[in-house]
Amino acid sequence: MSFATITVMAAAALIGLMILSHTLLRAWNSWLDLKRTELERGADNPTGHALGMIDLSDLKERLRKLEAIAAGVDI
């Protein structure tokens, strides 16, 4: 193999590596944007908030029942 052939092959390999790196970097950034969007939507999700309120309401009701039991009140 001549020096010119080796140089062309090395340059082609380097360009291919650069293209692959660029593609993977864009994919990674897009994935991060997707996850960032999912987190933002999760914080503003009214369903998640409603479920949290239901759980809180359930805990309050249980606490009332336990306090009534401790006070000797018949429920």
C-alpha atoms as a PDB file:
ATOM      1  CA  MET A   1       0.000   0.000   0.000  1.00  0.00           C
ATOM      2  CA  SER A   2       1.206   3.423  -0.792  1.00  0.00           C
ATOM      3  CA  PHE A   3       1.340   6.384   1.524  1.00  0.00           C
ATOM      4  CA  ALA A   4      -1.485   8.106  -0.383  1.00  0.00           C
ATOM      5  CA  THR A   5      -3.809   5.116   0.038  1.00  0.00           C
ATOM      6  CA  ILE A   6      -3.127   4.893   3.758  1.00  0.00           C
ATOM      7  CA  THR A   7      -3.664   8.643   4.137  1.00  0.00           C
ATOM      8  CA  VAL A   8      -6.997   8.503   2.289  1.00  0.00           C
ATOM      9  CA  MET A   9      -8.147   5.528   4.386  1.00  0.00           C
ATOM     10  CA  ALA A  10      -7.130   7.266   7.625  1.00  0.00           C
ATOM     11  CA  ALA A  11      -8.914  10.455   6.583  1.00  0.00           C
ATOM     12  CA  ALA A  12     -12.062   8.491   5.666  1.00  0.00           C
ATOM     13  CA  ALA A  13     -11.965   6.678   9.007  1.00  0.00           C
ATOM     14  CA  LEU A  14     -11.528   9.978  10.851  1.00  0.00           C
ATOM     15  CA  ILE A  15     -14.441  11.557   8.983  1.00  0.00           C
ATOM     16  CA  GLY A  16     -16.600   8.506   9.717  1.00  0.00           C
ATOM     17  CA  LEU A  17     -15.697   8.704  13.394  1.00  0.00           C
ATOM     18  CA  MET A  18     -16.579  12.411  13.438  1.00  0.00           C
ATOM     19  CA  ILE A  19     -19.970  11.729  11.833  1.00  0.00           C
ATOM     20  CA  LEU A  20     -20.687   8.930  14.295  1.00  0.00           C
ATOM     21  CA  SER A  21     -19.665  11.101  17.258  1.00  0.00           C
ATOM     22  CA  HIS A  22     -21.827  13.969  16.073  1.00  0.00           C
ATOM     23  CA  THR A  23     -24.834  11.672  15.595  1.00  0.00           C
ATOM     24  CA  LEU A  24     -24.440  10.104  19.033  1.00  0.00           C
ATOM     25  CA  LEU A  25     -24.052  13.515  20.662  1.00  0.00           C
ATOM     26  CA  ARG A  26     -27.263  14.775  19.022  1.00  0.00           C
ATOM     27  CA  ALA A  27     -29.103  11.626  20.106  1.00  0.00           C
ATOM     28  CA  TRP A  28     -27.852  12.053  23.679  1.00  0.00           C
ATOM     29  CA  ASN A  29     -28.931  15.709  23.789  1.00  0.00           C
ATOM     30  CA  SER A  30     -32.345  14.820  22.373  1.00  0.00           C
ATOM     31  CA  TRP A  31     -32.766  12.107  25.011  1.00  0.00           C
ATOM     32  CA  LEU A  32     -31.832  14.578  27.741  1.00  0.00           C
ATOM     33  CA  ASP A  33     -34.371  17.082  26.378  1.00  0.00           C
ATOM     34  CA  LEU A  34     -37.018  14.359  26.399  1.00  0.00           C
ATOM     35  CA  LYS A  35     -36.281  13.458  30.019  1.00  0.00           C
ATOM     36  CA  ARG A  36     -36.241  17.151  30.992  1.00  0.00           C
ATOM     37  CA  THR A  37     -39.670  17.597  29.377  1.00  0.00           C
ATOM     38  CA  GLU A  38     -41.024  14.524  31.155  1.00  0.00           C
ATOM     39  CA  LEU A  39     -39.836  15.885  34.495  1.00  0.00           C
ATOM     40  CA  GLU A  40     -41.412  19.286  33.836  1.00  0.00           C
ATOM     41  CA  ARG A  41     -44.724  17.704  32.855  1.00  0.00           C
ATOM     42  CA  GLY A  42     -44.602  15.437  35.895  1.00  0.00           C
ATOM     43  CA  ALA A  43     -44.327  18.455  38.202  1.00  0.00           C
ATOM     44  CA  ASP A  44     -47.348  20.118  36.563  1.00  0.00           C
ATOM     45  CA  ASN A  45     -49.386  16.943  36.266  1.00  0.00           C
ATOM     46  CA  PRO A  46     -52.747  17.554  37.965  1.00  0.00           C
ATOM     47  CA  THR A  47     -53.403  13.817  38.193  1.00  0.00           C
ATOM     48  CA  GLY A  48     -50.270  13.300  40.280  1.00  0.00           C
ATOM     49  CA  HIS A  49     -51.284  16.184  42.532  1.00  0.00           C
ATOM     50  CA  ALA A  50     -54.816  14.818  42.880  1.00  0.00           C
ATOM     51  CA  LEU A  51     -53.487  11.410  43.858  1.00  0.00           C
ATOM     52  CA  GLY A  52     -51.297  13.054  46.457  1.00  0.00           C
ATOM     53  CA  MET A  53     -54.313  14.907  47.840  1.00  0.00           C
ATOM     54  CA  ILE A  54     -56.279  11.655  48.018  1.00  0.00           C
ATOM     55  CA  ASP A  55     -53.452  10.015  49.928  1.00  0.00           C
ATOM     56  CA  LEU A  56     -53.266  12.995  52.277  1.00  0.00           C
ATOM     57  CA  SER A  57     -57.034  12.873  52.829  1.00  0.00           C
ATOM     58  CA  ASP A  58     -56.824   9.143  53.547  1.00  0.00           C
ATOM     59  CA  LEU A  59     -54.053   9.725  56.096  1.00  0.00           C
ATOM     60  CA  LYS A  60     -56.062  12.457  57.812  1.00  0.00           C
ATOM     61  CA  GLU A  61     -59.080  10.164  58.062  1.00  0.00           C
ATOM     62  CA  ARG A  62     -56.977   7.397  59.571  1.00  0.00           C
ATOM     63  CA  LEU A  63     -55.501   9.860  62.043  1.00  0.00           C
ATOM     64  CA  ARG A  64     -59.011  10.974  63.102  1.00  0.00           C
ATOM     65  CA  LYS A  65     -60.010   7.353  63.649  1.00  0.00           C
ATOM     66  CA  LEU A  66     -56.901   6.639  65.712  1.00  0.00           C
ATOM     67  CA  GLU A  67     -57.467   9.767  67.803  1.00  0.00           C
ATOM     68  CA  ALA A  68     -61.073   8.703  68.366  1.00  0.00           C
ATOM     69  CA  ILE A  69     -59.939   5.246  69.451  1.00  0.00           C
ATOM     70  CA  ALA A  70     -57.350   6.771  71.798  1.00  0.00           C
ATOM     71  CA  ALA A  71     -59.981   9.088  73.290  1.00  0.00           C
ATOM     72  CA  GLY A  72     -62.372   6.175  73.792  1.00  0.00           C
ATOM     73  CA  VAL A  73     -65.035   7.582  71.452  1.00  0.00           C
ATOM     74  CA  ASP A  74     -67.188   5.016  69.684  1.00  0.00           C
ATOM     75  CA  ILE A  75     -66.970   5.539  65.908  1.00  0.00           C
END
